[in-house]
Amino acid sequence: MRWVTLAAVLLAAVLLTALELLLQPLYLGPVPVPVGTVLVLLTMPWLTQAAAEVSTATAVAASPLAVWVVVVGVLGFAGPGGDVVLPATWQSLLLLVAGLLAGLIPLRRVVGAADRLRAGRSAEHSQR
């Protein structure tokens, strides 16, 4: 059942990344409104935490971020039919930096907590 949860989290990561890419170049009149950046800042920590609840293994906890990077690479830079969904603008750079930071910061917390748990278990085991 846990792996079904992980599959759902990864599917959500794919769909949210596609939505972020589509909403990133949004303009409100002449003003750029990078909605994709706001969306990635809200969803990536949640996706990382949800994956970490399946397993504290670093690869599992990092899987939503890895999926995000792959989808951004495939859809953003080599989009469908050769279209570029993510043009070379400051909004695109903002999305890339925000997405990576929004995934790496919670991942660091998850990995640190798992390391502390493992260290506590090994200290407890060595006392026996």
N, C-alpha and C. Protein backbone atom coordinates (compact mmCIF):
# COMPACT_ATOMS: atom_id res chain seq x y z
N MET A 1 0.82 -1.20 0.00
CA MET A 1 0.00 0.00 0.00
C MET A 1 0.86 1.26 0.00
N ARG A 2 2.02 1.18 0.67
CA ARG A 2 2.90 2.35 0.73
C ARG A 2 3.40 2.72 -0.65
N TRP A 3 3.64 1.72 -1.50
CA TRP A 3 4.18 2.01 -2.83
C TRP A 3 3.10 2.59 -3.73
N VAL A 4 1.85 2.29 -3.46
CA VAL A 4 0.75 2.92 -4.20
C VAL A 4 0.71 4.41 -3.84
N THR A 5 0.95 4.70 -2.57
CA THR A 5 1.01 6.09 -2.13
C THR A 5 2.16 6.82 -2.83
N LEU A 6 3.31 6.16 -2.91
CA LEU A 6 4.45 6.78 -3.58
C LEU A 6 4.16 7.01 -5.06
N ALA A 7 3.51 6.05 -5.70
CA ALA A 7 3.15 6.21 -7.12
C ALA A 7 2.19 7.38 -7.30
N ALA A 8 1.25 7.55 -6.37
CA ALA A 8 0.33 8.68 -6.44
C ALA A 8 1.06 10.01 -6.24
N VAL A 9 2.02 10.03 -5.33
CA VAL A 9 2.81 11.25 -5.10
C VAL A 9 3.62 11.60 -6.35
N LEU A 10 4.22 10.60 -6.98
CA LEU A 10 5.02 10.86 -8.17
C LEU A 10 4.15 11.29 -9.35
N LEU A 11 2.97 10.71 -9.48
CA LEU A 11 2.03 11.15 -10.52
C LEU A 11 1.62 12.60 -10.27
N ALA A 12 1.35 12.92 -9.01
CA ALA A 12 1.02 14.31 -8.67
C ALA A 12 2.18 15.24 -9.00
N ALA A 13 3.42 14.78 -8.77
CA ALA A 13 4.59 15.60 -9.11
C ALA A 13 4.66 15.87 -10.61
N VAL A 14 4.37 14.85 -11.42
CA VAL A 14 4.39 15.03 -12.88
C VAL A 14 3.33 16.03 -13.30
N LEU A 15 2.12 15.85 -12.82
CA LEU A 15 1.02 16.73 -13.22
C LEU A 15 1.22 18.17 -12.71
N LEU A 16 1.69 18.31 -11.48
CA LEU A 16 1.93 19.65 -10.95
C LEU A 16 3.05 20.36 -11.69
N THR A 17 4.08 19.60 -12.08
CA THR A 17 5.18 20.21 -12.83
C THR A 17 4.70 20.70 -14.19
N ALA A 18 3.89 19.90 -14.85
CA ALA A 18 3.34 20.34 -16.15
C ALA A 18 2.49 21.60 -15.97
N LEU A 19 1.70 21.65 -14.91
CA LEU A 19 0.88 22.83 -14.64
C LEU A 19 1.76 24.04 -14.32
N GLU A 20 2.81 23.83 -13.54
CA GLU A 20 3.72 24.93 -13.21
C GLU A 20 4.38 25.49 -14.47
N LEU A 21 4.77 24.61 -15.36
CA LEU A 21 5.40 25.06 -16.60
C LEU A 21 4.43 25.85 -17.47
N LEU A 22 3.18 25.44 -17.48
CA LEU A 22 2.19 26.15 -18.29
C LEU A 22 1.81 27.50 -17.68
N LEU A 23 1.82 27.60 -16.36
CA LEU A 23 1.42 28.84 -15.71
C LEU A 23 2.57 29.83 -15.52
N GLN A 24 3.81 29.38 -15.68
CA GLN A 24 4.96 30.25 -15.42
C GLN A 24 5.01 31.48 -16.33
N PRO A 25 4.79 31.37 -17.62
CA PRO A 25 4.90 32.58 -18.47
C PRO A 25 3.63 33.43 -18.48
N LEU A 26 2.81 33.35 -17.47
CA LEU A 26 1.55 34.08 -17.40
C LEU A 26 1.80 35.58 -17.19
N TYR A 27 1.04 36.38 -17.91
CA TYR A 27 1.12 37.84 -17.79
C TYR A 27 -0.24 38.38 -17.41
N LEU A 28 -0.25 39.39 -16.57
CA LEU A 28 -1.47 40.12 -16.24
C LEU A 28 -1.29 41.52 -16.83
N GLY A 29 -1.76 41.66 -18.07
CA GLY A 29 -1.47 42.88 -18.83
C GLY A 29 0.00 42.84 -19.21
N PRO A 30 0.74 43.91 -18.93
CA PRO A 30 2.18 43.91 -19.26
C PRO A 30 3.06 43.35 -18.14
N VAL A 31 2.45 42.97 -17.02
CA VAL A 31 3.22 42.54 -15.85
C VAL A 31 3.30 41.02 -15.80
N PRO A 32 4.53 40.46 -15.73
CA PRO A 32 4.65 39.01 -15.60
C PRO A 32 4.24 38.56 -14.20
N VAL A 33 3.46 37.50 -14.15
CA VAL A 33 2.99 36.94 -12.88
C VAL A 33 3.40 35.46 -12.86
N PRO A 34 4.56 35.14 -12.29
CA PRO A 34 5.05 33.76 -12.32
C PRO A 34 4.30 32.85 -11.34
N VAL A 35 3.11 32.47 -11.71
CA VAL A 35 2.27 31.63 -10.86
C VAL A 35 2.90 30.26 -10.65
N GLY A 36 3.63 29.77 -11.64
CA GLY A 36 4.29 28.48 -11.52
C GLY A 36 5.27 28.44 -10.36
N THR A 37 5.96 29.53 -10.13
CA THR A 37 6.90 29.62 -9.01
C THR A 37 6.18 29.50 -7.68
N VAL A 38 5.08 30.21 -7.55
CA VAL A 38 4.29 30.14 -6.31
C VAL A 38 3.79 28.71 -6.11
N LEU A 39 3.33 28.09 -7.17
CA LEU A 39 2.82 26.73 -7.08
C LEU A 39 3.91 25.74 -6.67
N VAL A 40 5.11 25.87 -7.23
CA VAL A 40 6.18 24.94 -6.87
C VAL A 40 6.63 25.18 -5.42
N LEU A 41 6.63 26.41 -4.97
CA LEU A 41 7.00 26.69 -3.58
C LEU A 41 5.99 26.10 -2.59
N LEU A 42 4.74 25.99 -3.01
CA LEU A 42 3.72 25.42 -2.14
C LEU A 42 3.67 23.89 -2.19
N THR A 43 3.93 23.32 -3.35
CA THR A 43 3.70 21.88 -3.51
C THR A 43 4.93 21.01 -3.33
N MET A 44 6.10 21.49 -3.68
CA MET A 44 7.29 20.63 -3.60
C MET A 44 7.62 20.19 -2.18
N PRO A 45 7.56 21.06 -1.17
CA PRO A 45 7.79 20.56 0.19
C PRO A 45 6.77 19.49 0.61
N TRP A 46 5.53 19.69 0.21
CA TRP A 46 4.50 18.71 0.53
C TRP A 46 4.79 17.37 -0.15
N LEU A 47 5.18 17.39 -1.42
CA LEU A 47 5.48 16.16 -2.15
C LEU A 47 6.68 15.44 -1.53
N THR A 48 7.70 16.19 -1.16
CA THR A 48 8.88 15.59 -0.53
C THR A 48 8.52 14.95 0.80
N GLN A 49 7.72 15.63 1.59
CA GLN A 49 7.30 15.08 2.89
C GLN A 49 6.42 13.85 2.70
N ALA A 50 5.54 13.88 1.72
CA ALA A 50 4.67 12.73 1.48
C ALA A 50 5.49 11.52 1.04
N ALA A 51 6.51 11.73 0.23
CA ALA A 51 7.37 10.62 -0.19
C ALA A 51 8.19 10.11 0.99
N ALA A 52 8.63 11.01 1.86
CA ALA A 52 9.40 10.59 3.04
C ALA A 52 8.56 9.79 4.02
N GLU A 53 7.25 9.99 4.02
CA GLU A 53 6.39 9.20 4.89
C GLU A 53 6.26 7.77 4.40
N VAL A 54 6.49 7.54 3.11
CA VAL A 54 6.49 6.18 2.57
C VAL A 54 7.73 5.44 3.04
N SER A 55 8.89 6.10 2.93
CA SER A 55 10.15 5.51 3.36
C SER A 55 11.13 6.64 3.65
N THR A 56 11.96 6.44 4.66
CA THR A 56 12.95 7.46 4.99
C THR A 56 14.22 7.31 4.16
N ALA A 57 14.24 6.35 3.24
CA ALA A 57 15.39 6.22 2.35
C ALA A 57 15.53 7.49 1.53
N THR A 58 16.75 7.93 1.38
CA THR A 58 17.01 9.19 0.67
C THR A 58 16.48 9.15 -0.76
N ALA A 59 16.64 8.02 -1.44
CA ALA A 59 16.19 7.91 -2.83
C ALA A 59 14.67 8.07 -2.92
N VAL A 60 13.95 7.53 -1.98
CA VAL A 60 12.49 7.64 -2.00
C VAL A 60 12.07 9.06 -1.67
N ALA A 61 12.68 9.66 -0.67
CA ALA A 61 12.33 11.03 -0.29
C ALA A 61 12.68 12.02 -1.40
N ALA A 62 13.73 11.73 -2.15
CA ALA A 62 14.16 12.64 -3.22
C ALA A 62 13.44 12.39 -4.53
N SER A 63 12.66 11.34 -4.62
CA SER A 63 12.03 10.99 -5.90
C SER A 63 11.11 12.07 -6.46
N PRO A 64 10.32 12.80 -5.67
CA PRO A 64 9.51 13.87 -6.28
C PRO A 64 10.37 14.98 -6.91
N LEU A 65 11.48 15.30 -6.27
CA LEU A 65 12.38 16.31 -6.83
C LEU A 65 13.02 15.79 -8.11
N ALA A 66 13.41 14.53 -8.13
CA ALA A 66 14.00 13.95 -9.34
C ALA A 66 12.98 13.94 -10.48
N VAL A 67 11.75 13.59 -10.17
CA VAL A 67 10.69 13.60 -11.19
C VAL A 67 10.47 15.02 -11.69
N TRP A 68 10.47 15.98 -10.79
CA TRP A 68 10.29 17.38 -11.17
C TRP A 68 11.38 17.82 -12.14
N VAL A 69 12.64 17.48 -11.82
CA VAL A 69 13.76 17.87 -12.69
C VAL A 69 13.62 17.23 -14.07
N VAL A 70 13.26 15.95 -14.11
CA VAL A 70 13.11 15.26 -15.40
C VAL A 70 11.98 15.88 -16.22
N VAL A 71 10.85 16.13 -15.59
CA VAL A 71 9.70 16.70 -16.33
C VAL A 71 10.02 18.12 -16.81
N VAL A 72 10.69 18.91 -15.98
CA VAL A 72 11.08 20.25 -16.42
C VAL A 72 12.04 20.14 -17.60
N GLY A 73 12.97 19.20 -17.54
CA GLY A 73 13.90 19.02 -18.65
C GLY A 73 13.22 18.59 -19.92
N VAL A 74 12.31 17.63 -19.80
CA VAL A 74 11.64 17.10 -21.00
C VAL A 74 10.62 18.09 -21.55
N LEU A 75 9.71 18.55 -20.71
CA LEU A 75 8.66 19.45 -21.19
C LEU A 75 9.13 20.89 -21.35
N GLY A 76 9.99 21.34 -20.43
CA GLY A 76 10.39 22.73 -20.44
C GLY A 76 11.38 23.08 -21.53
N PHE A 77 12.35 22.21 -21.77
CA PHE A 77 13.41 22.54 -22.71
C PHE A 77 13.30 21.82 -24.04
N ALA A 78 12.66 20.68 -24.05
CA ALA A 78 12.46 19.92 -25.30
C ALA A 78 11.00 19.53 -25.37
N GLY A 79 10.15 20.50 -25.30
CA GLY A 79 8.71 20.27 -25.20
C GLY A 79 8.11 19.48 -26.32
N PRO A 80 6.82 19.28 -26.26
CA PRO A 80 6.12 18.49 -27.27
C PRO A 80 6.25 19.13 -28.65
N GLY A 81 6.68 18.35 -29.61
CA GLY A 81 6.82 18.85 -30.97
C GLY A 81 7.97 19.82 -31.14
N GLY A 82 8.90 19.81 -30.19
CA GLY A 82 10.05 20.71 -30.27
C GLY A 82 9.77 22.10 -29.73
N ASP A 83 8.58 22.34 -29.22
CA ASP A 83 8.25 23.64 -28.65
C ASP A 83 8.98 23.82 -27.32
N VAL A 84 9.39 25.02 -27.04
CA VAL A 84 10.05 25.32 -25.77
C VAL A 84 9.01 25.96 -24.86
N VAL A 85 8.62 25.25 -23.81
CA VAL A 85 7.62 25.75 -22.88
C VAL A 85 8.25 26.72 -21.89
N LEU A 86 9.54 26.56 -21.66
CA LEU A 86 10.25 27.37 -20.69
C LEU A 86 11.28 28.24 -21.42
N PRO A 87 10.90 29.45 -21.84
CA PRO A 87 11.83 30.30 -22.59
C PRO A 87 12.94 30.84 -21.68
N ALA A 88 13.97 31.36 -22.27
CA ALA A 88 15.12 31.89 -21.53
C ALA A 88 14.79 33.28 -21.00
N THR A 89 14.06 33.31 -19.87
CA THR A 89 13.70 34.57 -19.22
C THR A 89 13.99 34.46 -17.74
N TRP A 90 13.86 35.58 -17.04
CA TRP A 90 14.10 35.56 -15.61
C TRP A 90 13.03 34.75 -14.89
N GLN A 91 11.81 34.69 -15.46
CA GLN A 91 10.76 33.90 -14.84
C GLN A 91 11.11 32.41 -14.86
N SER A 92 11.73 31.96 -15.95
CA SER A 92 12.14 30.57 -16.05
C SER A 92 13.23 30.25 -15.04
N LEU A 93 14.20 31.16 -14.91
CA LEU A 93 15.27 30.97 -13.93
C LEU A 93 14.69 30.95 -12.52
N LEU A 94 13.72 31.81 -12.28
CA LEU A 94 13.07 31.85 -10.97
C LEU A 94 12.38 30.52 -10.67
N LEU A 95 11.71 29.95 -11.65
CA LEU A 95 11.05 28.66 -11.46
C LEU A 95 12.07 27.57 -11.16
N LEU A 96 13.17 27.54 -11.89
CA LEU A 96 14.19 26.51 -11.68
C LEU A 96 14.81 26.61 -10.29
N VAL A 97 15.19 27.80 -9.89
CA VAL A 97 15.82 27.99 -8.58
C VAL A 97 14.82 27.70 -7.46
N ALA A 98 13.61 28.21 -7.60
CA ALA A 98 12.59 27.98 -6.56
C ALA A 98 12.25 26.50 -6.44
N GLY A 99 12.13 25.81 -7.57
CA GLY A 99 11.81 24.38 -7.53
C GLY A 99 12.90 23.56 -6.88
N LEU A 100 14.15 23.85 -7.24
CA LEU A 100 15.26 23.12 -6.63
C LEU A 100 15.37 23.39 -5.13
N LEU A 101 15.27 24.65 -4.74
CA LEU A 101 15.34 24.97 -3.31
C LEU A 101 14.14 24.42 -2.54
N ALA A 102 12.96 24.50 -3.15
CA ALA A 102 11.76 23.99 -2.48
C ALA A 102 11.80 22.48 -2.32
N GLY A 103 12.59 21.80 -3.12
CA GLY A 103 12.75 20.36 -2.96
C GLY A 103 13.92 19.99 -2.09
N LEU A 104 15.02 20.74 -2.19
CA LEU A 104 16.23 20.38 -1.45
C LEU A 104 16.16 20.73 0.04
N ILE A 105 15.52 21.82 0.39
CA ILE A 105 15.45 22.21 1.80
C ILE A 105 14.65 21.20 2.62
N PRO A 106 13.44 20.80 2.19
CA PRO A 106 12.74 19.77 2.97
C PRO A 106 13.46 18.41 2.91
N LEU A 107 14.11 18.12 1.79
CA LEU A 107 14.85 16.87 1.67
C LEU A 107 15.98 16.84 2.68
N ARG A 108 16.64 17.96 2.88
CA ARG A 108 17.71 18.03 3.88
C ARG A 108 17.17 17.76 5.27
N ARG A 109 16.00 18.30 5.58
CA ARG A 109 15.39 18.04 6.89
C ARG A 109 15.03 16.57 7.06
N VAL A 110 14.47 15.98 6.01
CA VAL A 110 14.06 14.57 6.07
C VAL A 110 15.28 13.67 6.25
N VAL A 111 16.33 13.92 5.49
CA VAL A 111 17.54 13.10 5.58
C VAL A 111 18.21 13.30 6.94
N GLY A 112 18.23 14.52 7.44
CA GLY A 112 18.80 14.78 8.76
C GLY A 112 18.04 14.08 9.86
N ALA A 113 16.72 14.09 9.78
CA ALA A 113 15.90 13.39 10.78
C ALA A 113 16.13 11.88 10.71
N ALA A 114 16.24 11.34 9.51
CA ALA A 114 16.50 9.91 9.35
C ALA A 114 17.88 9.55 9.90
N ASP A 115 18.87 10.40 9.68
CA ASP A 115 20.21 10.15 10.20
C ASP A 115 20.22 10.19 11.73
N ARG A 116 19.51 11.14 12.32
CA ARG A 116 19.43 11.21 13.78
C ARG A 116 18.75 9.97 14.34
N LEU A 117 17.71 9.50 13.65
CA LEU A 117 17.01 8.30 14.09
C LEU A 117 17.93 7.08 14.02
N ARG A 118 18.67 6.96 12.91
CA ARG A 118 19.60 5.84 12.78
C ARG A 118 20.71 5.92 13.83
N ALA A 119 21.21 7.13 14.11
CA ALA A 119 22.26 7.29 15.11
C ALA A 119 21.74 6.91 16.50
N GLY A 120 20.51 7.29 16.78
CA GLY A 120 19.91 6.91 18.07
C GLY A 120 19.74 5.41 18.20
N ARG A 121 19.34 4.76 17.12
CA ARG A 121 19.17 3.31 17.15
C ARG A 121 20.52 2.61 17.33
N SER A 122 21.55 3.10 16.64
CA SER A 122 22.86 2.45 16.75
C SER A 122 23.46 2.68 18.13
N ALA A 123 23.24 3.85 18.73
CA ALA A 123 23.72 4.10 20.09
C ALA A 123 22.99 3.21 21.09
N GLU A 124 21.70 3.03 20.86
CA GLU A 124 20.90 2.16 21.74
C GLU A 124 21.34 0.71 21.60
N HIS A 125 21.63 0.33 20.37
CA HIS A 125 22.07 -1.05 20.10
C HIS A 125 23.45 -1.32 20.69
N SER A 126 24.34 -0.32 20.65
CA SER A 126 25.69 -0.53 21.18
C SER A 126 25.70 -0.56 22.70
N GLN A 127 24.71 0.01 23.35
CA GLN A 127 24.62 -0.02 24.80
C GLN A 127 24.16 -1.37 25.30
N ARG A 128 23.55 -2.17 24.46
CA ARG A 128 23.04 -3.47 24.89
C ARG A 128 24.11 -4.47 24.96
